[in-house]
Amino acid sequence: MKLIKTDFLIIGAGISGLTTAFRLNKAGKNTHLVEASNVPGGAIKTIKKDGWICEAGPNTVLVTNTFFSSLIEDIDLKDSMLTASETANKRFILKNGIPMALPDSPLSFFRSPFFSTGAKMKLLAEPFKGRMKSEDETLSNFVKRRLGQEFLDYAINPFVAGVYAGSPDQLSVRYAFPKLYELEKHYGSLIIGSIKGAKKIRIETDIPRAKAKMVTFTEGNAMLTDRLSEALGKENQTYGDAVKVISKSNGGYKVRLESGKEIISKKIICTVPLHLLQHIDFTNMLSADELQKFAQVEYPPVYVLHFGFNKNDIGHKLDGFGMLVPEKEQKFILGALFNSSIFPSRTDSEEKKLITVFAGGSRHSYIDSMTVEDVLSKALADLKNAFLISGNPLIRNCTKWPKAIPQYKTDYKDIQVTLRNSEKANKGFHFQGNYLGGISVADCVKNSMMLADKLLAN
């Protein structure tokens, strides 16, 4: 069996692995990428059927840094990029069983009946609240302390479910929402910090969220990962073959795949999820305690459901980005995206509407014990009630992610320190993925390109 020799071995063909490999390959470095599944993309997965374009993973990309824009230019994908409709600026929260639009300006906030007078008064008092007394705290404690219970229940709780599929009672404010942590730390107030911070000179590569474009691609987000894979070249990639053993060898590393194929590499960038590391034999590299610690990072299950309807069967205008569901509403779904309102080309007719629904998460981790039919039925019932839908769906689809998104809990500093110490003890071995520096596609691209540039500089 042929032995592969390379300078850089990248394990995992998700957005982090593909971006890192592309950056190194573009610089002329000898790279090879290994992926256990048969296709590139990782959590990015587009399903196309009968004129419907459905995203089973990230539905949109918020372009919050110039690294992402640069990558799109490098792979010649700019002409295929779609920008979200202005309709997507409107967001809904389910309250008392009814989708209510969130206020989108300070004036509309105080005029809106969405929050009570008491909640509005607590917001005005926010600049006078004291700073955090410990190094870190849960997001729920942070929000209750600064903004009150109502903001936690009807703003932060549904937002966290929509982003992390997690719970504010468990997530760290410092690691899951570092900008909130920094605002309080440096300014003593979220409101004052937002005003003063906006006037500061920002990092050149960062794009403020208020100015960031929300995008996708004409044939779905898989165009991004497919194009990266194509740019690498078939000869530099191995698919359908999992890494089984990694050991040190002659100042570099020797890797054995499930097929028996062996790869010798000077450096390794490992981008597989933390919970999968325990399935790799890191001979004399990572201890059992380290692997156990990584395996304990929670990745809650998330089910991504797609429903297509005739426009005339929906009583709601779906005139926005989507709707999030607070835990207090006691519904089965976590939220819904109005895909054909954000990007009209997701269906082949203006008379059809596509809705993507998310279920499970930390809130309903029991979802794995349910049948797919039960999941679809319960989600459809919530949809029909919320959006006054009378007809049956034209399409139904379910994608299961048994372990979806890493939860940045209050013990996450210990996880990060362990990862970095492991890297120091194994020169030339590096971790990269959505468990470091942010879970969004744009964050993964930025962090992967920065790691590649660091390796090139060294």
Protein backbone atom coordinates (compact mmCIF):
# COMPACT_ATOMS: atom_id res chain seq x y z
CA MET A 1 0.00 0.00 0.00
CA LYS A 2 1.34 3.42 -1.00
CA LEU A 3 2.81 5.56 1.78
CA ILE A 4 1.80 9.24 1.67
CA LYS A 5 4.35 11.83 2.78
CA THR A 6 3.33 15.43 3.36
CA ASP A 7 4.34 18.59 5.21
CA PHE A 8 0.87 19.30 6.61
CA LEU A 9 -1.84 16.73 7.34
CA ILE A 10 -5.31 18.16 7.99
CA ILE A 11 -7.78 15.83 9.68
CA GLY A 12 -11.42 16.64 8.95
CA ALA A 13 -13.09 18.20 5.89
CA GLY A 14 -15.48 20.60 7.61
CA ILE A 15 -15.15 24.33 7.00
CA SER A 16 -12.20 24.58 9.43
CA GLY A 17 -10.20 21.76 7.87
CA LEU A 18 -10.91 22.77 4.28
CA THR A 19 -10.06 26.42 4.92
CA THR A 20 -6.79 25.55 6.66
CA ALA A 21 -5.79 23.11 3.93
CA PHE A 22 -6.68 25.58 1.17
CA ARG A 23 -4.68 28.40 2.77
CA LEU A 24 -1.58 26.21 3.17
CA ASN A 25 -1.95 24.70 -0.30
CA LYS A 26 -2.37 28.14 -1.89
CA ALA A 27 0.95 29.16 -0.32
CA GLY A 28 2.62 26.26 -2.14
CA LYS A 29 2.90 23.91 0.83
CA ASN A 30 2.58 20.16 0.47
CA THR A 31 -0.73 19.35 2.17
CA HIS A 32 -3.01 16.35 2.49
CA LEU A 33 -6.52 16.24 3.95
CA VAL A 34 -8.20 13.15 5.43
CA GLU A 35 -11.96 12.82 6.04
CA ALA A 36 -13.83 9.88 7.55
CA SER A 37 -17.02 10.48 5.54
CA ASN A 38 -17.32 10.27 1.78
CA VAL A 39 -18.00 13.95 1.12
CA PRO A 40 -16.59 17.33 2.21
CA GLY A 41 -18.56 19.83 4.28
CA GLY A 42 -18.86 18.53 7.82
CA ALA A 43 -21.83 20.34 9.36
CA ILE A 44 -22.43 22.24 6.11
CA LYS A 45 -24.89 20.18 4.11
CA THR A 46 -27.26 21.29 1.35
CA ILE A 47 -30.22 19.18 0.23
CA LYS A 48 -31.65 19.91 -3.24
CA LYS A 49 -34.84 18.21 -4.38
CA ASP A 50 -37.67 19.08 -6.76
CA GLY A 51 -36.86 22.80 -6.82
CA TRP A 52 -36.35 23.16 -3.05
CA ILE A 53 -32.92 24.13 -1.65
CA CYS A 54 -32.69 23.15 2.01
CA GLU A 55 -29.79 23.63 4.42
CA ALA A 56 -29.34 20.84 6.94
CA GLY A 57 -26.55 22.77 8.66
CA PRO A 58 -25.88 26.53 8.81
CA ASN A 59 -28.57 28.30 6.77
CA THR A 60 -26.75 31.62 6.42
CA VAL A 61 -23.32 33.11 6.91
CA LEU A 62 -22.97 36.45 8.71
CA VAL A 63 -19.82 37.99 7.25
CA THR A 64 -18.25 39.46 10.39
CA ASN A 65 -14.66 39.52 9.17
CA THR A 66 -12.65 40.20 6.02
CA PHE A 67 -11.07 36.74 6.12
CA PHE A 68 -14.31 35.26 4.84
CA SER A 69 -14.60 37.84 2.07
CA SER A 70 -10.98 37.15 1.06
CA LEU A 71 -11.62 33.40 0.94
CA ILE A 72 -14.63 33.88 -1.35
CA GLU A 73 -12.46 35.93 -3.70
CA ASP A 74 -9.69 33.33 -3.66
CA ILE A 75 -12.01 30.49 -4.70
CA ASP A 76 -13.86 32.64 -7.24
CA LEU A 77 -17.26 32.27 -5.56
CA LYS A 78 -18.22 35.93 -5.24
CA ASP A 79 -20.56 35.89 -8.26
CA SER A 80 -22.49 32.98 -6.71
CA MET A 81 -23.05 34.75 -3.40
CA LEU A 82 -26.56 35.89 -2.44
CA THR A 83 -27.27 38.64 0.09
CA ALA A 84 -30.28 38.31 2.38
CA SER A 85 -33.42 40.29 1.64
CA GLU A 86 -34.04 43.39 3.79
CA THR A 87 -37.04 41.48 5.12
CA ALA A 88 -34.58 39.37 7.11
CA ASN A 89 -33.90 42.32 9.43
CA LYS A 90 -37.21 41.63 11.17
CA ARG A 91 -37.12 39.01 13.93
CA PHE A 92 -39.99 37.35 15.78
CA ILE A 93 -40.24 35.85 19.26
CA LEU A 94 -43.12 33.60 20.27
CA LYS A 95 -44.93 35.16 23.23
CA ASN A 96 -48.17 33.81 24.64
CA GLY A 97 -48.38 31.57 21.59
CA ILE A 98 -48.21 34.48 19.12
CA PRO A 99 -45.20 35.50 16.98
CA MET A 100 -44.35 39.05 18.01
CA ALA A 101 -41.83 41.26 16.19
CA LEU A 102 -38.85 42.34 18.28
CA PRO A 103 -38.26 46.13 18.52
CA ASP A 104 -35.53 47.14 16.05
CA SER A 105 -34.57 50.57 17.47
CA PRO A 106 -34.35 52.30 20.86
CA LEU A 107 -37.51 54.30 20.10
CA SER A 108 -39.50 51.26 18.99
CA PHE A 109 -38.26 49.39 22.06
CA PHE A 110 -39.88 51.87 24.43
CA ARG A 111 -43.06 52.06 22.33
CA SER A 112 -43.38 48.31 21.87
CA PRO A 113 -45.64 46.29 24.19
CA PHE A 114 -43.28 43.33 23.88
CA PHE A 115 -41.49 44.13 27.16
CA SER A 116 -43.22 45.34 30.30
CA THR A 117 -42.68 48.79 31.80
CA GLY A 118 -40.71 47.14 34.60
CA ALA A 119 -38.35 45.47 32.14
CA LYS A 120 -37.79 48.79 30.35
CA MET A 121 -36.98 50.50 33.63
CA LYS A 122 -34.43 47.80 34.47
CA LEU A 123 -32.77 48.41 31.11
CA LEU A 124 -32.47 52.14 31.90
CA ALA A 125 -30.87 51.23 35.23
CA GLU A 126 -28.31 48.89 33.60
CA PRO A 127 -25.41 51.43 33.56
CA PHE A 128 -25.62 51.64 37.36
CA LYS A 129 -25.26 47.91 38.05
CA GLY A 130 -22.02 46.59 39.57
CA ARG A 131 -19.42 44.53 37.74
CA MET A 132 -19.01 40.77 37.93
CA LYS A 133 -17.31 39.72 41.16
CA SER A 134 -15.89 36.45 39.84
CA GLU A 135 -13.76 35.53 36.84
CA ASP A 136 -16.76 34.11 35.02
CA GLU A 137 -20.45 33.34 35.50
CA THR A 138 -23.30 31.75 33.62
CA LEU A 139 -25.03 33.84 31.00
CA SER A 140 -28.32 33.62 32.90
CA ASN A 141 -26.78 35.05 36.08
CA PHE A 142 -25.10 37.79 34.07
CA VAL A 143 -28.33 38.81 32.32
CA LYS A 144 -30.47 38.65 35.46
CA ARG A 145 -27.94 40.81 37.29
CA ARG A 146 -27.71 43.45 34.56
CA LEU A 147 -31.06 43.33 32.74
CA GLY A 148 -33.53 41.31 34.76
CA GLN A 149 -35.54 38.09 34.48
CA GLU A 150 -37.85 39.22 31.68
CA PHE A 151 -34.95 39.93 29.31
CA LEU A 152 -33.49 36.55 30.17
CA ASP A 153 -36.78 34.74 29.50
CA TYR A 154 -37.87 36.48 26.30
CA ALA A 155 -34.68 37.72 24.66
CA ILE A 156 -31.59 35.82 25.81
CA ASN A 157 -33.08 32.37 26.40
CA PRO A 158 -34.53 32.01 22.87
CA PHE A 159 -31.43 33.61 21.32
CA VAL A 160 -29.13 31.08 23.01
CA ALA A 161 -31.37 28.23 21.83
CA GLY A 162 -31.18 29.60 18.29
CA VAL A 163 -27.39 30.01 18.24
CA TYR A 164 -26.00 27.26 20.48
CA ALA A 165 -29.08 25.02 20.90
CA GLY A 166 -28.08 25.49 24.53
CA SER A 167 -29.17 26.95 27.84
CA PRO A 168 -28.11 30.29 29.37
CA ASP A 169 -28.12 28.50 32.73
CA GLN A 170 -25.05 26.53 31.59
CA LEU A 171 -23.20 28.68 29.06
CA SER A 172 -20.30 30.90 30.08
CA VAL A 173 -20.69 34.60 29.44
CA ARG A 174 -16.92 34.94 29.11
CA TYR A 175 -16.40 32.22 26.51
CA ALA A 176 -19.77 31.87 24.77
CA PHE A 177 -20.46 35.62 24.60
CA PRO A 178 -17.07 37.29 25.03
CA LYS A 179 -18.22 40.69 23.74
CA LEU A 180 -20.73 41.02 26.59
CA TYR A 181 -18.02 40.04 29.04
CA GLU A 182 -15.60 42.61 27.59
CA LEU A 183 -18.18 45.41 27.61
CA GLU A 184 -18.82 44.99 31.33
CA LYS A 185 -15.14 44.46 32.13
CA HIS A 186 -13.91 47.60 30.33
CA TYR A 187 -16.89 49.96 30.63
CA GLY A 188 -18.93 48.64 33.57
CA SER A 189 -22.06 48.74 31.41
CA LEU A 190 -23.39 47.07 28.27
CA ILE A 191 -25.14 50.26 27.15
CA ILE A 192 -22.21 52.61 27.79
CA GLY A 193 -19.79 50.09 26.36
CA SER A 194 -21.84 49.73 23.17
CA ILE A 195 -21.81 53.51 22.68
CA LYS A 196 -18.15 54.11 23.53
CA GLY A 197 -16.94 50.91 21.95
CA ALA A 198 -18.52 51.86 18.63
CA LYS A 199 -16.25 54.92 18.51
CA LYS A 200 -13.07 52.93 19.10
CA ILE A 201 -10.80 51.86 16.26
CA ARG A 202 -11.77 48.29 15.52
CA ILE A 203 -9.50 45.46 14.48
CA GLU A 204 -8.95 45.92 10.76
CA THR A 205 -10.19 42.45 9.86
CA ASP A 206 -13.41 42.68 11.89
CA ILE A 207 -16.74 43.86 10.49
CA PRO A 208 -19.30 45.21 13.02
CA ARG A 209 -22.38 42.98 13.25
CA ALA A 210 -24.61 45.94 12.42
CA LYS A 211 -22.80 46.30 9.07
CA ALA A 212 -22.18 42.62 8.39
CA LYS A 213 -23.94 41.09 5.39
CA MET A 214 -25.90 37.87 5.72
CA VAL A 215 -25.19 35.64 2.74
CA THR A 216 -25.56 32.23 1.17
CA PHE A 217 -24.83 30.86 -2.31
CA THR A 218 -27.00 30.26 -5.35
CA GLU A 219 -26.93 26.48 -4.98
CA GLY A 220 -26.65 26.43 -1.20
CA ASN A 221 -23.87 26.66 1.36
CA ALA A 222 -22.34 23.37 0.21
CA MET A 223 -21.02 25.36 -2.77
CA LEU A 224 -18.48 26.85 -0.36
CA THR A 225 -17.07 23.57 0.95
CA ASP A 226 -17.34 21.84 -2.44
CA ARG A 227 -15.36 24.64 -4.09
CA LEU A 228 -12.67 24.50 -1.39
CA SER A 229 -12.37 20.74 -1.90
CA GLU A 230 -12.14 21.16 -5.68
CA ALA A 231 -9.41 23.78 -5.27
CA LEU A 232 -7.31 21.38 -3.18
CA GLY A 233 -7.23 18.74 -5.90
CA LYS A 234 -8.24 15.08 -5.60
CA GLU A 235 -4.65 13.95 -5.22
CA ASN A 236 -4.34 15.93 -1.97
CA GLN A 237 -7.39 14.44 -0.27
CA THR A 238 -8.54 11.08 1.12
CA TYR A 239 -12.24 10.50 1.83
CA GLY A 240 -14.10 7.62 3.44
CA ASP A 241 -11.14 6.65 5.62
CA ALA A 242 -10.99 7.50 9.32
CA VAL A 243 -7.82 8.19 11.31
CA LYS A 244 -7.21 5.39 13.82
CA VAL A 245 -3.68 5.94 15.19
CA ILE A 246 -1.41 8.99 15.49
CA SER A 247 2.12 8.64 16.86
CA LYS A 248 5.32 10.67 16.86
CA SER A 249 7.93 9.66 14.31
CA ASN A 250 11.32 11.20 13.44
CA GLY A 251 10.43 14.74 14.50
CA GLY A 252 7.02 14.50 12.83
CA TYR A 253 4.01 12.21 12.95
CA LYS A 254 2.95 8.86 11.60
CA VAL A 255 -0.77 8.32 10.99
CA ARG A 256 -2.55 5.06 10.26
CA LEU A 257 -6.00 5.12 8.68
CA GLU A 258 -8.81 2.60 9.07
CA SER A 259 -7.97 1.13 5.66
CA GLY A 260 -4.40 0.49 6.77
CA LYS A 261 -3.01 3.34 4.67
CA GLU A 262 -0.18 5.26 6.37
CA ILE A 263 0.72 8.95 6.20
CA ILE A 264 3.94 10.59 7.36
CA SER A 265 3.59 14.31 8.10
CA LYS A 266 5.74 17.01 9.67
CA LYS A 267 2.72 18.80 11.14
CA ILE A 268 -0.90 17.89 11.86
CA ILE A 269 -3.96 20.14 12.15
CA CYS A 270 -6.78 18.18 13.81
CA THR A 271 -10.25 19.67 13.20
CA VAL A 272 -12.52 16.79 14.23
CA PRO A 273 -15.09 17.49 17.01
CA LEU A 274 -13.83 17.00 20.55
CA HIS A 275 -16.21 14.13 21.26
CA LEU A 276 -14.63 12.09 18.42
CA LEU A 277 -11.05 12.35 19.68
CA GLN A 278 -11.60 9.39 22.01
CA HIS A 279 -11.91 7.14 18.93
CA ILE A 280 -8.33 7.91 17.88
CA ASP A 281 -5.31 6.22 19.45
CA PHE A 282 -2.94 9.11 20.26
CA THR A 283 0.05 6.95 21.10
CA ASN A 284 2.22 8.72 23.73
CA MET A 285 0.55 12.04 22.88
CA LEU A 286 -2.75 12.63 24.68
CA SER A 287 -3.45 11.06 28.05
CA ALA A 288 -6.63 9.19 28.98
CA ASP A 289 -7.53 12.06 31.33
CA GLU A 290 -7.20 14.60 28.53
CA LEU A 291 -9.33 12.55 26.15
CA GLN A 292 -11.95 12.02 28.85
CA LYS A 293 -12.08 15.75 29.52
CA PHE A 294 -12.63 16.49 25.82
CA ALA A 295 -15.31 13.79 25.61
CA GLN A 296 -17.24 15.45 28.44
CA VAL A 297 -17.81 18.66 26.47
CA GLU A 298 -21.53 18.68 25.75
CA TYR A 299 -22.73 18.50 22.15
CA PRO A 300 -26.57 18.44 22.40
CA PRO A 301 -28.63 16.74 19.67
CA VAL A 302 -30.26 18.99 17.08
CA TYR A 303 -32.82 17.95 14.49
CA VAL A 304 -33.12 20.16 11.43
CA LEU A 305 -36.56 19.88 9.83
CA HIS A 306 -37.74 21.32 6.52
CA PHE A 307 -41.35 21.99 5.64
CA GLY A 308 -42.56 23.37 2.32
CA PHE A 309 -46.05 24.87 1.96
CA ASN A 310 -48.29 26.57 -0.53
CA LYS A 311 -48.18 30.28 0.23
CA ASN A 312 -51.99 30.50 0.40
CA ASP A 313 -52.09 27.89 3.18
CA ILE A 314 -50.11 30.11 5.58
CA GLY A 315 -51.95 32.74 7.60
CA HIS A 316 -48.77 34.56 8.62
CA LYS A 317 -46.85 36.77 6.18
CA LEU A 318 -43.50 35.22 7.20
CA ASP A 319 -42.12 38.73 6.72
CA GLY A 320 -38.85 38.36 8.55
CA PHE A 321 -35.80 36.22 9.27
CA GLY A 322 -37.61 33.78 11.49
CA MET A 323 -39.00 33.13 14.95
CA LEU A 324 -37.33 31.96 18.16
CA VAL A 325 -39.18 30.19 20.95
CA PRO A 326 -38.52 30.98 24.64
CA GLU A 327 -38.41 28.01 26.98
CA LYS A 328 -41.26 29.55 28.98
CA GLU A 329 -43.60 29.01 26.03
CA GLN A 330 -43.26 25.23 26.55
CA LYS A 331 -43.20 24.33 22.86
CA PHE A 332 -41.42 21.47 21.13
CA ILE A 333 -39.50 23.53 18.57
CA LEU A 334 -36.60 25.85 19.35
CA GLY A 335 -37.27 28.16 16.43
CA ALA A 336 -37.97 28.48 12.72
CA LEU A 337 -36.34 30.24 9.77
CA PHE A 338 -38.37 31.76 6.93
CA ASN A 339 -35.98 30.62 4.20
CA SER A 340 -37.96 31.77 1.18
CA SER A 341 -38.35 35.23 2.73
CA ILE A 342 -34.61 35.54 3.43
CA PHE A 343 -33.57 34.12 0.04
CA PRO A 344 -36.53 33.85 -2.38
CA SER A 345 -34.61 31.48 -4.67
CA ARG A 346 -34.81 28.66 -2.09
CA THR A 347 -38.03 27.56 -3.84
CA ASP A 348 -38.88 27.36 -7.55
CA SER A 349 -42.03 29.46 -7.22
CA GLU A 350 -43.21 32.56 -5.37
CA GLU A 351 -46.31 30.58 -4.46
CA LYS A 352 -44.25 28.20 -2.29
CA LYS A 353 -42.75 28.87 1.13
CA LEU A 354 -39.90 26.99 2.80
CA ILE A 355 -39.54 26.94 6.59
CA THR A 356 -36.62 25.36 8.44
CA VAL A 357 -37.34 24.24 12.01
CA PHE A 358 -34.90 23.35 14.79
CA ALA A 359 -35.72 20.95 17.61
CA GLY A 360 -33.86 19.25 20.44
CA GLY A 361 -30.84 21.01 21.92
CA SER A 362 -30.07 21.10 25.62
CA ARG A 363 -33.71 22.00 26.21
CA HIS A 364 -35.05 18.74 24.77
CA SER A 365 -32.12 16.32 24.78
CA TYR A 366 -34.63 13.46 24.98
CA ILE A 367 -35.36 13.95 21.27
CA ASP A 368 -33.01 11.09 20.36
CA SER A 369 -35.46 8.64 21.92
CA MET A 370 -38.24 9.78 19.57
CA THR A 371 -39.05 8.43 16.11
CA VAL A 372 -38.50 10.74 13.14
CA GLU A 373 -42.23 10.69 12.44
CA ASP A 374 -43.03 11.84 15.98
CA VAL A 375 -40.46 14.65 15.71
CA LEU A 376 -41.92 15.84 12.41
CA SER A 377 -45.49 15.63 13.72
CA LYS A 378 -44.82 17.57 16.93
CA ALA A 379 -42.85 20.23 15.06
CA LEU A 380 -45.57 20.57 12.43
CA ALA A 381 -48.20 21.05 15.13
CA ASP A 382 -46.20 23.93 16.64
CA LEU A 383 -45.78 25.48 13.18
CA LYS A 384 -49.46 25.27 12.33
CA ASN A 385 -50.45 26.91 15.61
CA ALA A 386 -47.89 29.71 15.42
CA PHE A 387 -48.32 30.63 11.74
CA LEU A 388 -51.97 29.70 11.19
CA ILE A 389 -51.16 27.05 8.60
CA SER A 390 -54.14 25.17 7.23
CA GLY A 391 -52.74 22.89 4.53
CA ASN A 392 -50.43 19.91 4.69
CA PRO A 393 -46.77 20.37 3.77
CA LEU A 394 -45.62 19.81 0.20
CA ILE A 395 -42.30 18.49 1.49
CA ARG A 396 -41.04 17.21 4.84
CA ASN A 397 -37.44 16.42 5.62
CA CYS A 398 -35.48 15.56 8.76
CA THR A 399 -31.72 15.66 9.32
CA LYS A 400 -30.41 14.38 12.65
CA TRP A 401 -27.25 15.74 14.27
CA PRO A 402 -26.84 13.53 17.38
CA LYS A 403 -23.99 15.76 18.59
CA ALA A 404 -24.38 19.20 17.09
CA ILE A 405 -22.75 22.24 18.72
CA PRO A 406 -20.07 22.41 21.45
CA GLN A 407 -21.32 24.14 24.59
CA TYR A 408 -18.96 26.80 25.95
CA LYS A 409 -19.78 26.28 29.62
CA THR A 410 -18.21 27.93 32.68
CA ASP A 411 -15.51 25.22 32.80
CA TYR A 412 -14.42 26.03 29.26
CA LYS A 413 -11.26 27.79 30.34
CA ASP A 414 -10.01 24.43 31.63
CA ILE A 415 -10.83 22.83 28.25
CA GLN A 416 -8.93 25.53 26.36
CA VAL A 417 -5.91 25.33 28.67
CA THR A 418 -5.80 21.55 28.25
CA LEU A 419 -5.95 21.90 24.45
CA ARG A 420 -3.11 24.43 24.41
CA ASN A 421 -0.99 22.39 26.83
CA SER A 422 -1.48 19.34 24.60
CA GLU A 423 -0.22 21.36 21.63
CA LYS A 424 2.84 22.52 23.56
CA ALA A 425 3.65 18.95 24.57
CA ASN A 426 3.32 17.78 20.95
CA LYS A 427 5.23 20.19 18.76
CA GLY A 428 3.71 20.52 15.31
CA PHE A 429 0.31 19.18 16.39
CA HIS A 430 -2.55 21.71 16.40
CA PHE A 431 -6.27 21.75 17.22
CA GLN A 432 -8.72 23.82 15.20
CA GLY A 433 -12.51 23.86 15.01
CA ASN A 434 -15.71 25.44 16.24
CA TYR A 435 -14.72 24.56 19.82
CA LEU A 436 -12.07 27.32 19.68
CA GLY A 437 -12.84 30.98 19.14
CA GLY A 438 -16.48 30.82 18.04
CA ILE A 439 -18.96 28.44 16.44
CA SER A 440 -20.07 30.47 13.39
CA VAL A 441 -18.89 29.73 9.84
CA ALA A 442 -17.21 33.15 9.62
CA ASP A 443 -15.40 32.57 12.94
CA CYS A 444 -14.18 29.15 11.81
CA VAL A 445 -12.88 30.61 8.55
CA LYS A 446 -11.10 33.45 10.36
CA ASN A 447 -9.51 31.23 13.00
CA SER A 448 -8.43 28.63 10.42
CA MET A 449 -6.82 31.21 8.15
CA MET A 450 -5.05 32.80 11.11
CA LEU A 451 -3.68 29.41 12.17
CA ALA A 452 -2.51 28.68 8.62
CA ASP A 453 -0.79 32.07 8.41
CA LYS A 454 0.90 31.44 11.76
CA LEU A 455 2.18 28.07 10.57
CA LEU A 456 3.44 29.63 7.33
CA ALA A 457 5.22 32.40 9.25
CA ASN A 458 6.97 29.84 11.44
